[in-house]
N, C-alpha and C. Protein backbone atom coordinates (compact mmCIF):
# COMPACT_ATOMS: atom_id res chain seq x y z
N UNK A 1 0.95 -1.21 -0.15
CA UNK A 1 0.04 -0.02 -0.29
C UNK A 1 0.91 1.02 -0.34
N UNK A 2 0.19 2.51 -1.13
CA UNK A 2 1.11 3.40 -0.80
C UNK A 2 1.78 4.04 0.49
N UNK A 3 2.31 4.54 0.68
CA UNK A 3 1.96 5.55 2.14
C UNK A 3 1.45 6.67 1.61
N UNK A 4 0.53 7.50 2.82
CA UNK A 4 -0.34 8.36 2.71
C UNK A 4 0.88 9.49 3.27
N UNK A 5 0.88 10.38 1.85
CA UNK A 5 2.01 11.99 2.21
C UNK A 5 0.47 12.64 2.93
N UNK A 6 1.15 13.31 4.07
CA UNK A 6 0.38 13.89 5.29
C UNK A 6 1.01 15.22 4.84
N UNK A 7 0.12 16.19 5.19
CA UNK A 7 0.68 18.10 5.12
C UNK A 7 1.59 17.96 6.90
N UNK A 8 2.60 18.63 6.24
CA UNK A 8 3.70 19.00 7.34
C UNK A 8 2.98 19.26 8.59
N UNK A 9 1.88 20.11 9.20
CA UNK A 9 1.53 20.25 9.89
C UNK A 9 0.76 19.25 10.75
N UNK A 10 0.26 18.07 10.13
CA UNK A 10 -0.19 16.66 10.29
C UNK A 10 1.23 15.85 10.82
N UNK A 11 2.11 16.05 9.80
CA UNK A 11 3.07 15.30 10.90
C UNK A 11 3.80 15.81 12.49
N UNK A 12 3.76 17.42 12.28
CA UNK A 12 4.14 17.67 13.19
C UNK A 12 3.11 17.28 14.44
N UNK A 13 2.25 17.00 14.33
CA UNK A 13 1.19 17.10 15.24
C UNK A 13 1.11 16.17 15.65
N UNK A 14 1.76 14.91 15.04
CA UNK A 14 2.08 13.53 15.61
C UNK A 14 2.98 13.25 16.43
N UNK A 15 3.58 14.63 17.09
CA UNK A 15 5.36 14.54 18.16
C UNK A 15 4.05 15.38 19.29
N UNK A 16 3.28 15.64 19.48
CA UNK A 16 2.56 16.69 20.41
C UNK A 16 2.94 15.91 21.45
N UNK A 17 2.52 14.84 22.01
CA UNK A 17 2.46 13.84 23.14
C UNK A 17 4.25 13.81 23.77
N UNK A 18 4.85 14.30 23.31
CA UNK A 18 6.27 14.33 23.85
C UNK A 18 6.65 15.88 24.09
N UNK A 19 5.77 16.60 24.00
CA UNK A 19 5.19 18.13 24.32
C UNK A 19 5.07 18.68 25.70
N UNK A 20 4.41 17.78 26.29
CA UNK A 20 3.67 18.41 27.43
C UNK A 20 4.13 18.62 28.50
N UNK A 21 3.71 19.15 29.53
CA UNK A 21 4.81 19.67 30.69
C UNK A 21 3.41 19.11 32.19
N UNK A 22 3.67 17.82 32.33
CA UNK A 22 2.48 17.88 33.09
C UNK A 22 2.91 18.08 34.59
N UNK A 23 3.90 18.61 34.45
CA UNK A 23 4.21 19.09 36.31
C UNK A 23 3.62 21.00 36.26
N UNK A 24 3.46 21.32 35.29
CA UNK A 24 3.60 22.74 34.92
C UNK A 24 2.04 23.23 36.45
N UNK A 25 2.13 24.85 37.02
CA UNK A 25 0.98 24.91 37.33
C UNK A 25 -0.44 25.04 36.27
N UNK A 26 -1.24 24.58 36.77
CA UNK A 26 -2.54 24.78 35.67
C UNK A 26 -2.72 26.40 35.00
N UNK A 27 -2.58 27.02 36.16
CA UNK A 27 -3.11 28.28 36.26
C UNK A 27 -1.86 29.31 35.33
N UNK A 28 -0.68 28.65 35.35
CA UNK A 28 0.48 29.06 34.24
C UNK A 28 0.51 28.77 32.81
N UNK A 29 -0.57 27.07 32.41
CA UNK A 29 -0.23 26.41 31.32
C UNK A 29 -1.07 27.26 30.15
N UNK A 30 -1.18 26.68 28.99
CA UNK A 30 -1.84 27.19 27.73
C UNK A 30 -2.62 26.09 27.51
N UNK A 31 -3.98 26.47 27.03
CA UNK A 31 -4.76 25.37 26.45
C UNK A 31 -5.83 26.14 25.27
N UNK A 32 -6.35 25.21 24.30
CA UNK A 32 -7.19 25.69 23.50
C UNK A 32 -8.23 24.68 23.88
N UNK A 33 -9.41 25.86 23.76
CA UNK A 33 -11.12 25.35 24.31
C UNK A 33 -11.58 25.73 23.19
N UNK A 34 -12.32 24.45 22.84
CA UNK A 34 -12.36 23.88 21.32
C UNK A 34 -14.26 23.77 21.33
N UNK A 35 -14.96 23.92 20.21
CA UNK A 35 -16.16 23.16 20.03
C UNK A 35 -16.74 23.25 18.49
N UNK A 36 -17.15 21.89 18.40
CA UNK A 36 -17.58 21.58 16.82
C UNK A 36 -19.08 21.71 16.50
N UNK A 37 -19.22 21.63 15.51
CA UNK A 37 -20.73 21.56 14.88
C UNK A 37 -20.82 20.63 13.67
N UNK A 38 -21.89 19.66 14.15
CA UNK A 38 -21.72 18.75 13.02
C UNK A 38 -22.95 18.60 12.22
N UNK A 39 -23.05 18.24 10.94
CA UNK A 39 -24.60 17.95 10.70
C UNK A 39 -25.31 17.15 10.75
N UNK A 40 -25.23 16.45 11.91
CA UNK A 40 -25.86 15.52 12.32
C UNK A 40 -24.72 14.20 13.15
N UNK A 41 -25.20 13.19 13.41
CA UNK A 41 -24.94 12.54 14.43
C UNK A 41 -24.48 11.02 13.99
N UNK A 42 -24.65 10.89 12.93
CA UNK A 42 -24.88 9.51 11.57
C UNK A 42 -22.99 9.45 11.49
N UNK A 43 -22.71 8.27 10.97
CA UNK A 43 -21.32 8.16 10.65
C UNK A 43 -21.02 8.72 8.92
N UNK A 44 -22.16 9.14 8.27
CA UNK A 44 -22.59 9.72 7.41
C UNK A 44 -22.05 11.21 7.31
N UNK A 45 -21.86 11.59 8.67
CA UNK A 45 -22.15 13.07 8.53
C UNK A 45 -20.97 13.74 8.99
N UNK A 46 -20.64 15.12 8.63
CA UNK A 46 -19.36 15.68 8.56
C UNK A 46 -18.91 16.89 9.52
N UNK A 47 -18.15 17.34 9.38
CA UNK A 47 -17.76 18.51 10.43
C UNK A 47 -18.45 20.10 9.55
N UNK A 48 -19.06 20.83 10.15
CA UNK A 48 -19.59 21.63 9.54
C UNK A 48 -19.24 23.29 10.35
N UNK A 49 -18.74 22.93 11.57
CA UNK A 49 -17.99 24.25 11.82
C UNK A 49 -17.17 24.24 13.28
N UNK A 50 -15.91 24.90 13.59
CA UNK A 50 -15.11 24.43 14.36
C UNK A 50 -15.03 26.40 15.00
N UNK A 51 -14.61 26.11 15.98
CA UNK A 51 -14.23 27.02 17.25
C UNK A 51 -13.39 27.22 18.06
N UNK A 52 -12.43 27.94 18.47
CA UNK A 52 -12.01 27.98 19.02
C UNK A 52 -11.06 29.05 19.82
N UNK A 53 -10.88 28.84 21.63
CA UNK A 53 -9.87 30.73 22.06
C UNK A 53 -8.95 30.02 22.80
N UNK A 54 -8.02 30.58 22.43
CA UNK A 54 -6.55 30.48 23.40
C UNK A 54 -6.85 30.98 25.08
N UNK A 55 -6.32 30.07 25.70
CA UNK A 55 -6.19 30.40 27.23
C UNK A 55 -4.31 30.32 27.33
N UNK A 56 -4.04 31.31 28.19
CA UNK A 56 -2.53 31.19 28.66
C UNK A 56 -2.55 31.93 30.07
N UNK A 57 -1.91 31.60 30.52
CA UNK A 57 -1.74 32.00 32.59
C UNK A 57 -3.27 32.74 32.96
N UNK A 58 -4.10 31.61 32.83
CA UNK A 58 -5.40 32.14 32.87
C UNK A 58 -6.18 33.18 32.34
N UNK A 59 -5.69 33.19 31.05
CA UNK A 59 -6.37 34.89 30.61
C UNK A 59 -6.79 34.34 29.44
N UNK A 60 -8.00 34.29 29.20
CA UNK A 60 -8.28 34.38 27.57
C UNK A 60 -8.00 35.06 26.47
N UNK A 61 -7.30 35.11 25.10
CA UNK A 61 -6.67 35.34 24.36
C UNK A 61 -7.65 35.72 23.40
N UNK A 62 -8.78 36.64 23.41
CA UNK A 62 -9.54 36.72 22.26
C UNK A 62 -8.89 37.31 20.55
N UNK A 63 -7.27 37.83 20.95
CA UNK A 63 -6.87 38.25 19.67
C UNK A 63 -6.37 36.70 19.21
N UNK A 64 -6.56 35.82 19.56
CA UNK A 64 -5.88 34.21 19.18
C UNK A 64 -7.05 33.48 19.43
N UNK A 65 -7.69 33.06 18.09
CA UNK A 65 -9.08 33.00 17.97
C UNK A 65 -8.81 32.10 16.83
N UNK A 66 -9.93 31.27 17.07
CA UNK A 66 -10.24 30.30 15.45
C UNK A 66 -12.07 29.99 15.05
N UNK A 67 -11.81 30.11 14.30
CA UNK A 67 -13.42 30.15 13.63
C UNK A 67 -13.53 29.82 12.50
N UNK A 68 -14.14 28.53 11.94
CA UNK A 68 -14.71 28.16 10.85
C UNK A 68 -15.77 27.80 10.10
N UNK A 69 -16.29 27.95 9.18
CA UNK A 69 -18.22 27.37 8.88
C UNK A 69 -17.16 26.57 7.78
N UNK A 70 -17.66 25.55 7.61
CA UNK A 70 -17.04 25.02 6.52
C UNK A 70 -17.96 24.28 5.66
N UNK A 71 -17.46 23.93 4.28
CA UNK A 71 -18.15 23.07 3.17
C UNK A 71 -18.70 21.78 3.60
N UNK A 72 -19.77 20.93 4.13
CA UNK A 72 -19.76 19.71 4.58
C UNK A 72 -19.54 18.69 3.60
N UNK A 73 -19.94 19.21 2.17
CA UNK A 73 -20.02 18.16 1.08
C UNK A 73 -21.23 17.39 1.02
N UNK A 74 -21.90 17.47 1.66
CA UNK A 74 -23.27 17.06 1.79
C UNK A 74 -24.43 18.22 2.69
N UNK A 75 -25.65 16.74 2.30
CA UNK A 75 -26.94 17.93 2.66
C UNK A 75 -26.70 18.16 3.93
N UNK A 76 -27.01 19.78 4.58
CA UNK A 76 -27.49 19.80 6.14
C UNK A 76 -28.97 19.83 6.63
N UNK A 77 -29.22 18.80 7.31
CA UNK A 77 -30.43 18.12 7.80
C UNK A 77 -31.14 19.59 8.28
N UNK A 78 -32.50 19.52 8.13
CA UNK A 78 -33.45 21.20 8.64
C UNK A 78 -33.47 20.43 9.43
N UNK A 79 -32.81 19.41 10.84
CA UNK A 79 -32.95 19.04 12.05
C UNK A 79 -31.89 19.67 12.43
N UNK A 80 -30.59 19.81 11.84
CA UNK A 80 -29.44 20.23 12.09
C UNK A 80 -29.32 21.62 12.47
N UNK A 81 -29.98 22.13 11.36
CA UNK A 81 -30.37 23.55 11.38
C UNK A 81 -30.76 24.57 12.25
N UNK A 82 -31.62 23.66 12.76
CA UNK A 82 -32.30 24.04 13.81
C UNK A 82 -31.92 24.23 15.15
N UNK A 83 -30.55 23.58 15.21
CA UNK A 83 -29.95 23.77 16.35
C UNK A 83 -28.91 24.77 16.03
N UNK A 84 -28.16 24.55 14.72
CA UNK A 84 -26.90 25.45 15.06
C UNK A 84 -27.08 26.77 14.18
N UNK A 85 -28.59 26.77 13.17
CA UNK A 85 -28.72 27.55 12.17
C UNK A 85 -27.78 28.05 10.97
N UNK A 86 -26.97 26.86 11.39
CA UNK A 86 -25.81 27.21 9.78
C UNK A 86 -27.14 26.77 8.24
N UNK A 87 -27.38 27.34 7.85
CA UNK A 87 -27.82 27.21 6.25
C UNK A 87 -26.51 26.79 5.49
N UNK A 88 -27.52 26.52 4.40
CA UNK A 88 -26.61 25.99 3.18
C UNK A 88 -25.49 26.53 2.15
N UNK A 89 -26.50 27.80 2.38
CA UNK A 89 -25.75 29.03 1.64
C UNK A 89 -24.62 29.49 2.23
N UNK A 90 -24.53 29.66 3.75
CA UNK A 90 -23.54 29.84 4.91
C UNK A 90 -22.31 29.09 4.22
N UNK A 91 -22.38 27.69 4.28
CA UNK A 91 -21.02 26.45 3.95
C UNK A 91 -21.22 26.85 2.55
N UNK A 92 -21.67 27.08 1.77
CA UNK A 92 -21.28 26.77 0.48
C UNK A 92 -20.33 27.58 0.11
N UNK A 93 -19.42 26.90 -0.76
CA UNK A 93 -17.97 27.53 -0.96
C UNK A 93 -17.02 27.60 -0.13
N UNK A 94 -17.15 27.45 1.12
CA UNK A 94 -16.25 27.48 2.29
C UNK A 94 -15.41 26.08 1.94
N UNK A 95 -14.22 26.64 2.55
CA UNK A 95 -13.20 25.23 2.97
C UNK A 95 -13.35 24.05 3.46
N UNK A 96 -12.79 22.98 2.87
CA UNK A 96 -13.79 21.44 3.44
C UNK A 96 -13.00 21.01 4.86
N UNK A 97 -13.09 20.15 5.30
CA UNK A 97 -12.22 19.47 6.32
C UNK A 97 -11.01 18.92 6.49
N UNK A 98 -10.67 18.73 5.00
CA UNK A 98 -9.26 18.74 4.21
C UNK A 98 -8.30 19.67 4.67
N UNK A 99 -9.24 20.50 4.70
CA UNK A 99 -8.47 22.19 4.70
C UNK A 99 -8.22 22.66 5.77
N UNK A 100 -9.05 22.95 6.48
CA UNK A 100 -9.78 23.18 8.35
C UNK A 100 -8.84 22.56 9.10
N UNK A 101 -8.78 21.68 9.43
CA UNK A 101 -8.17 20.90 10.31
C UNK A 101 -7.22 20.85 10.13
N UNK A 102 -5.79 21.12 8.94
CA UNK A 102 -4.75 21.23 9.34
C UNK A 102 -4.66 22.03 9.91
N UNK A 103 -4.97 23.55 9.61
CA UNK A 103 -5.67 24.89 9.81
C UNK A 103 -5.45 24.65 11.97
N UNK A 104 -6.52 23.72 12.08
CA UNK A 104 -6.75 23.79 13.67
C UNK A 104 -5.82 23.35 14.08
N UNK A 105 -4.86 22.26 13.84
CA UNK A 105 -3.74 21.43 14.12
C UNK A 105 -2.64 22.76 14.66
N UNK A 106 -2.64 23.03 13.62
CA UNK A 106 -1.45 24.18 13.39
C UNK A 106 -1.87 25.39 14.37
N UNK A 107 -3.43 25.89 14.51
CA UNK A 107 -3.75 26.83 15.71
C UNK A 107 -3.45 26.19 17.28
N UNK A 108 -3.75 25.20 17.21
CA UNK A 108 -3.85 24.30 18.91
C UNK A 108 -1.78 23.96 19.04
N UNK A 109 -1.19 23.58 18.33
CA UNK A 109 0.06 23.53 18.45
C UNK A 109 0.39 22.65 19.43
N UNK A 110 1.10 22.53 20.52
CA UNK A 110 1.46 21.34 21.49
C UNK A 110 0.60 21.71 22.67
N UNK A 111 -0.54 22.35 22.81
CA UNK A 111 -1.22 23.06 23.89
C UNK A 111 -2.85 21.82 23.99
N UNK A 112 -2.72 21.96 25.08
CA UNK A 112 -3.77 20.89 25.76
C UNK A 112 -5.12 21.17 25.56
N UNK A 113 -5.86 20.63 24.74
CA UNK A 113 -7.21 20.80 24.75
C UNK A 113 -8.49 20.70 25.55
N UNK A 114 -9.33 21.78 25.57
CA UNK A 114 -10.54 21.39 26.53
C UNK A 114 -11.89 21.56 26.32
N UNK A 115 -12.57 21.32 26.32
CA UNK A 115 -13.64 21.47 25.95
C UNK A 115 -15.04 20.65 26.61
N UNK A 116 -16.27 21.05 26.58
CA UNK A 116 -17.51 20.29 27.28
C UNK A 116 -18.27 19.02 26.71
N UNK A 117 -18.36 18.46 27.97
CA UNK A 117 -18.55 17.58 27.11
C UNK A 117 -17.52 16.36 25.66
N UNK A 118 -16.37 17.24 26.21
CA UNK A 118 -15.16 16.29 25.28
C UNK A 118 -14.87 15.14 24.64
N UNK A 119 -16.07 14.00 25.17
CA UNK A 119 -15.88 12.80 24.66
C UNK A 119 -16.40 12.97 23.10
N UNK A 120 -17.72 13.43 23.37
CA UNK A 120 -18.58 13.77 21.11
C UNK A 120 -17.95 14.35 20.79
N UNK A 121 -17.14 15.45 20.95
CA UNK A 121 -16.62 16.08 19.98
C UNK A 121 -15.11 15.45 19.72
N UNK A 122 -14.30 15.13 20.43
CA UNK A 122 -13.49 14.03 20.31
C UNK A 122 -13.43 12.81 19.40
N UNK A 123 -14.54 12.15 19.76
CA UNK A 123 -15.08 11.25 18.89
C UNK A 123 -15.02 11.51 17.59
N UNK A 124 -15.85 12.50 17.12
CA UNK A 124 -16.27 13.06 15.55
C UNK A 124 -14.76 13.79 15.03
N UNK A 125 -14.23 14.65 15.98
CA UNK A 125 -12.68 14.91 15.06
C UNK A 125 -12.02 14.15 14.63
N UNK A 126 -11.68 12.75 15.40
CA UNK A 126 -11.12 11.31 15.48
C UNK A 126 -11.55 10.31 14.34
N UNK A 127 -13.05 10.76 14.00
CA UNK A 127 -13.41 10.29 12.60
C UNK A 127 -12.94 10.78 12.02
N UNK A 128 -12.86 12.23 11.96
CA UNK A 128 -12.86 13.23 10.28
C UNK A 128 -10.99 13.05 10.22
N UNK A 129 -10.04 12.96 10.95
CA UNK A 129 -8.69 12.68 11.57
C UNK A 129 -8.82 11.81 10.28
N UNK A 130 -9.12 10.33 10.88
CA UNK A 130 -8.59 9.32 10.73
C UNK A 130 -9.08 9.10 9.05
N UNK A 131 -10.31 9.62 8.57
CA UNK A 131 -10.84 9.38 7.94
C UNK A 131 -9.75 10.15 6.45
N UNK A 132 -9.44 11.01 7.02
CA UNK A 132 -8.40 11.68 6.02
C UNK A 132 -7.41 11.75 6.02
N UNK A 133 -7.17 11.40 7.38
CA UNK A 133 -5.00 11.83 7.53
C UNK A 133 -4.68 10.22 7.94
N UNK A 134 -5.54 9.56 8.24
CA UNK A 134 -5.72 8.19 9.24
C UNK A 134 -4.74 7.80 10.08
N UNK A 135 -4.78 9.06 11.18
CA UNK A 135 -4.60 8.93 12.43
C UNK A 135 -5.32 9.59 13.32
N UNK A 136 -5.33 9.50 14.47
CA UNK A 136 -6.39 10.42 15.38
C UNK A 136 -5.75 11.70 15.87
N UNK A 137 -6.28 12.45 16.38
CA UNK A 137 -6.18 13.53 17.52
C UNK A 137 -5.01 13.04 18.45
N UNK A 138 -3.68 14.08 18.34
CA UNK A 138 -2.69 13.34 19.56
C UNK A 138 -2.79 14.39 20.95
N UNK A 139 -3.55 15.10 20.75
CA UNK A 139 -3.47 16.13 21.78
C UNK A 139 -4.34 15.53 22.87
N UNK A 140 -4.04 15.63 24.40
CA UNK A 140 -4.96 15.38 25.27
C UNK A 140 -6.03 16.51 25.50
N UNK A 141 -7.07 15.82 25.64
CA UNK A 141 -8.17 16.48 26.00
C UNK A 141 -8.97 17.03 27.34
N UNK A 142 -9.03 17.69 27.67
CA UNK A 142 -10.00 18.20 29.41
C UNK A 142 -10.82 17.66 29.20
N UNK A 143 -12.18 17.81 30.15
CA UNK A 143 -13.76 17.87 29.85
C UNK A 143 -13.89 18.50 31.04
N UNK A 144 -14.46 19.21 30.18
CA UNK A 144 -15.17 20.13 31.83
C UNK A 144 -16.02 19.95 32.03
N UNK A 145 -17.28 19.03 31.51
CA UNK A 145 -18.24 18.34 32.19
C UNK A 145 -17.37 17.43 33.56
N UNK A 146 -16.49 16.75 32.95
CA UNK A 146 -15.95 15.97 34.19
C UNK A 146 -15.56 17.17 35.52
N UNK A 147 -14.85 18.01 35.11
CA UNK A 147 -13.97 19.02 36.34
C UNK A 147 -15.07 19.45 37.01
N UNK A 148 -16.69 19.34 36.60
CA UNK A 148 -17.38 19.58 36.89
C UNK A 148 -17.88 19.10 38.32
N UNK A 149 -18.18 18.07 37.40
CA UNK A 149 -18.64 16.50 38.84
C UNK A 149 -17.45 16.52 39.57
N UNK A 150 -16.47 16.69 39.50
CA UNK A 150 -15.35 16.29 40.45
C UNK A 150 -15.01 17.43 41.47
N UNK A 151 -15.31 18.28 40.87
CA UNK A 151 -15.77 20.02 41.77
C UNK A 151 -17.01 19.80 42.80
N UNK A 152 -17.85 19.22 42.14
CA UNK A 152 -18.94 19.16 43.31
C UNK A 152 -19.07 18.61 43.91
N UNK A 153 -18.16 16.49 43.57
CA UNK A 153 -18.11 15.83 44.50
C UNK A 153 -17.37 16.54 45.65
N UNK A 154 -16.19 17.09 45.49
CA UNK A 154 -15.29 17.55 46.94
C UNK A 154 -16.46 17.89 47.56
N UNK A 155 -16.72 18.85 47.12
CA UNK A 155 -17.55 20.01 47.77
C UNK A 155 -18.51 19.47 48.64
N UNK A 156 -19.13 18.22 48.20
CA UNK A 156 -20.38 17.83 48.55
C UNK A 156 -19.54 17.05 50.14
N UNK A 157 -18.19 15.97 49.66
CA UNK A 157 -17.94 15.40 50.73
C UNK A 157 -17.17 16.18 52.22
N UNK A 158 -16.84 17.28 51.45
CA UNK A 158 -16.33 18.22 52.55
C UNK A 158 -17.49 19.52 53.15
N UNK A 159 -18.71 18.87 52.93
CA UNK A 159 -19.92 19.97 53.05
C UNK A 159 -19.59 21.59 52.94
N UNK A 160 -19.09 21.98 51.88
CA UNK A 160 -19.07 22.96 51.09
C UNK A 160 -19.66 23.63 50.20
N UNK A 161 -19.72 24.64 50.23
CA UNK A 161 -21.24 25.77 49.78
C UNK A 161 -20.33 25.08 47.54
N UNK A 162 -21.46 25.10 46.89
CA UNK A 162 -20.93 25.14 45.21
C UNK A 162 -21.41 24.00 44.63
N UNK A 163 -21.85 23.00 45.25
CA UNK A 163 -21.74 21.79 44.80
C UNK A 163 -23.35 21.74 43.67
N UNK A 164 -23.38 21.21 42.46
CA UNK A 164 -24.23 21.44 41.37
C UNK A 164 -24.31 19.97 40.96
N UNK A 165 -25.95 19.75 40.36
CA UNK A 165 -26.40 18.72 39.95
C UNK A 165 -26.82 19.00 38.13
N UNK A 166 -26.50 20.28 37.81
CA UNK A 166 -27.04 20.32 36.60
C UNK A 166 -25.41 20.75 35.34
N UNK A 167 -24.60 19.63 35.28
CA UNK A 167 -23.23 19.84 34.62
C UNK A 167 -23.39 20.31 33.17
N UNK A 168 -24.36 20.52 32.73
CA UNK A 168 -24.48 20.89 31.08
C UNK A 168 -24.06 22.41 30.93
N UNK A 169 -23.74 22.59 29.33
CA UNK A 169 -23.31 23.76 29.42
C UNK A 169 -24.44 24.83 30.13
N UNK A 170 -25.44 25.13 29.89
CA UNK A 170 -26.74 26.09 29.83
C UNK A 170 -26.59 25.74 31.37
N UNK A 171 -26.74 25.00 32.12
CA UNK A 171 -26.15 24.55 33.47
C UNK A 171 -25.44 25.69 34.21
N UNK A 172 -24.23 25.23 33.83
CA UNK A 172 -23.05 25.74 34.24
C UNK A 172 -22.78 27.39 33.99
N UNK A 173 -23.28 27.91 32.82
CA UNK A 173 -23.53 29.11 32.37
C UNK A 173 -24.29 29.99 33.35
N UNK A 174 -25.13 29.46 33.83
CA UNK A 174 -26.39 30.17 34.74
C UNK A 174 -25.95 29.96 35.89
N UNK A 175 -25.25 29.38 36.40
CA UNK A 175 -24.30 29.05 37.74
C UNK A 175 -23.50 29.60 38.11
N UNK A 176 -22.93 30.16 36.47
CA UNK A 176 -21.51 31.04 37.11
C UNK A 176 -21.61 32.98 36.26
N UNK A 177 -22.87 33.13 35.93
CA UNK A 177 -22.87 34.01 35.45
C UNK A 177 -22.51 34.42 33.95
N UNK A 178 -22.98 33.45 33.17
CA UNK A 178 -21.81 33.32 31.86
C UNK A 178 -23.03 33.32 30.79
N UNK A 179 -22.95 34.60 29.93
CA UNK A 179 -23.78 35.09 28.96
C UNK A 179 -23.44 34.28 27.76
N UNK A 180 -23.90 33.27 27.06
CA UNK A 180 -23.32 32.23 25.97
C UNK A 180 -23.83 32.98 24.82
N UNK A 181 -22.93 34.05 23.93
CA UNK A 181 -23.34 34.64 23.19
C UNK A 181 -23.18 33.83 21.78
N UNK A 182 -24.40 33.78 20.65
CA UNK A 182 -24.23 31.83 19.39
C UNK A 182 -24.08 31.39 20.21
N UNK A 183 -25.43 30.48 21.18
CA UNK A 183 -25.63 29.48 21.57
C UNK A 183 -25.16 28.70 20.81
N UNK A 184 -24.74 27.12 20.30
CA UNK A 184 -24.84 25.94 19.59
C UNK A 184 -23.80 26.52 18.16
N UNK A 185 -23.43 27.91 18.23
CA UNK A 185 -22.33 28.10 17.07
C UNK A 185 -20.85 27.80 17.70
N UNK A 186 -20.32 27.51 17.13
CA UNK A 186 -18.83 27.14 17.53
C UNK A 186 -18.20 27.31 18.61
N UNK A 187 -18.08 29.06 17.56
CA UNK A 187 -16.82 30.14 19.17
C UNK A 187 -18.04 30.67 19.43
N UNK A 188 -18.94 30.81 19.95
CA UNK A 188 -19.82 31.27 21.33
C UNK A 188 -19.66 29.95 22.10
N UNK A 189 -19.90 28.94 22.12
CA UNK A 189 -20.26 27.92 22.63
C UNK A 189 -18.66 27.43 23.54
N UNK A 190 -17.39 27.65 22.66
CA UNK A 190 -15.70 27.23 22.95
C UNK A 190 -15.33 28.32 23.88
N UNK A 191 -16.45 29.79 23.86
CA UNK A 191 -15.84 30.97 24.07
C UNK A 191 -16.23 30.87 25.58
N UNK A 192 -17.49 30.33 25.77
CA UNK A 192 -18.17 30.46 27.22
C UNK A 192 -17.72 28.85 28.10
N UNK A 193 -17.39 28.24 27.22
CA UNK A 193 -16.73 26.97 27.93
C UNK A 193 -15.64 27.68 28.53
N UNK A 194 -14.47 27.81 27.79
CA UNK A 194 -13.52 28.66 28.72
C UNK A 194 -13.82 29.67 29.79
N UNK A 195 -14.54 30.04 29.66
CA UNK A 195 -14.47 31.48 30.76
C UNK A 195 -15.21 30.03 32.31
N UNK A 196 -15.88 28.94 32.13
CA UNK A 196 -16.23 28.51 32.44
C UNK A 196 -15.23 27.35 33.45
N UNK A 197 -14.00 26.70 32.29
CA UNK A 197 -13.33 26.56 32.96
C UNK A 197 -12.40 26.97 33.42
N UNK A 198 -11.94 28.37 33.22
CA UNK A 198 -11.35 29.05 34.65
C UNK A 198 -12.16 28.93 36.17
N UNK A 199 -13.22 29.08 35.84
CA UNK A 199 -14.08 29.13 37.38
C UNK A 199 -13.85 27.90 37.90
N UNK A 200 -14.07 27.05 37.31
CA UNK A 200 -14.05 25.87 37.92
C UNK A 200 -12.30 25.34 38.31
N UNK A 201 -11.63 25.48 37.38
CA UNK A 201 -10.19 25.63 37.73
C UNK A 201 -9.45 25.71 39.03
N UNK A 202 -10.51 27.29 38.99
CA UNK A 202 -9.89 27.96 40.13
C UNK A 202 -10.50 27.23 41.66
N UNK A 203 -11.72 27.15 41.44
CA UNK A 203 -12.07 26.55 42.62
C UNK A 203 -11.57 25.33 42.99
N UNK A 204 -11.21 24.26 41.90
CA UNK A 204 -10.77 23.02 42.35
C UNK A 204 -9.05 23.29 43.32
N UNK A 205 -8.46 24.56 43.39
CA UNK A 205 -7.16 24.24 43.64
C UNK A 205 -7.39 24.31 44.95
N UNK A 206 -8.36 24.84 45.65
CA UNK A 206 -8.26 24.21 47.12
C UNK A 206 -8.60 22.46 47.91
N UNK A 207 -8.59 22.14 46.93
CA UNK A 207 -8.23 20.56 46.90
C UNK A 207 -7.29 20.08 46.50
N UNK A 208 -6.10 20.52 46.03
CA UNK A 208 -5.16 20.23 45.47
C UNK A 208 -5.02 20.06 44.11
N UNK A 209 -5.57 20.68 43.74
CA UNK A 209 -5.96 19.79 42.04
C UNK A 209 -5.29 21.37 40.91
N UNK A 210 -4.35 21.59 40.90
CA UNK A 210 -3.84 22.81 40.68
C UNK A 210 -2.57 22.28 39.70
N UNK A 211 -1.90 21.55 39.31
CA UNK A 211 -0.99 21.21 38.18
C UNK A 211 -1.91 20.44 37.10
N UNK A 212 -1.55 20.40 35.83
CA UNK A 212 -1.94 20.20 34.77
C UNK A 212 -2.54 18.58 34.58
N UNK A 213 -1.41 17.86 35.25
CA UNK A 213 -1.38 16.52 35.78
C UNK A 213 -2.25 15.80 36.60
N UNK A 214 -3.31 16.94 37.37
CA UNK A 214 -4.19 16.75 38.18
C UNK A 214 -4.97 16.82 37.31
N UNK A 215 -5.41 18.06 36.63
CA UNK A 215 -6.58 18.08 35.75
C UNK A 215 -6.55 16.89 34.71
N UNK A 216 -5.27 16.38 33.77
CA UNK A 216 -5.50 15.27 33.30
C UNK A 216 -6.03 14.03 33.85
N UNK A 217 -5.97 13.64 35.13
CA UNK A 217 -6.09 12.58 35.93
C UNK A 217 -7.96 12.67 36.05
N UNK A 218 -8.38 14.01 36.56
CA UNK A 218 -9.69 14.19 36.91
C UNK A 218 -10.60 14.17 35.74
N UNK A 219 -9.96 14.48 34.74
CA UNK A 219 -10.59 14.70 33.83
C UNK A 219 -10.58 14.42 32.14
N UNK A 220 -9.14 14.20 31.80
CA UNK A 220 -8.02 13.85 30.98
C UNK A 220 -9.13 12.73 29.96
N UNK A 221 -9.54 12.95 28.68
CA UNK A 221 -8.93 11.95 27.79
C UNK A 221 -8.51 11.63 26.84
């Protein structure tokens, strides 16, 4: 079988696990918070939009952001449009996943990814990566929903206020007083997730969870 020729940025991405700094304090580390929207949940569905924002030393870098609407090369179902409001003419003529994913890999570099309910996004992006490049994402991913559940568990354990039952993105946004602009659009959800991530990360420090390796242990995928 002929060896697949990969873009340079994809080859560089394959080395990401070897550049992690697990002992670094999490509030000094660099992360990329992201969200993905798809045409649907089926095997034949495709990536429709991808948004991300960088965090460095506990600060959101709004100048360092990423947002793309993609041409999914397939019909966008009406059920999907009701959620993300991306209609066919918005995607027409846009770059496809083969073009956008290398740009995304270049944007994230060696930083750790963060997402809410990250298993879903990870599985879908891995499917696209495998389809196009024959390899999955190498970046570790921290799930904000798992962070929130751990934070609530510890607060209940030590009889501290702030334990939550609703760990959805909307529930967490309400709890922390965060307004989600453009809900269900990839960049709006990524920005809200980043703000929630910073709040939970700060709250976990009182329980000795303050290094990158600690976050990866309780919420890493």
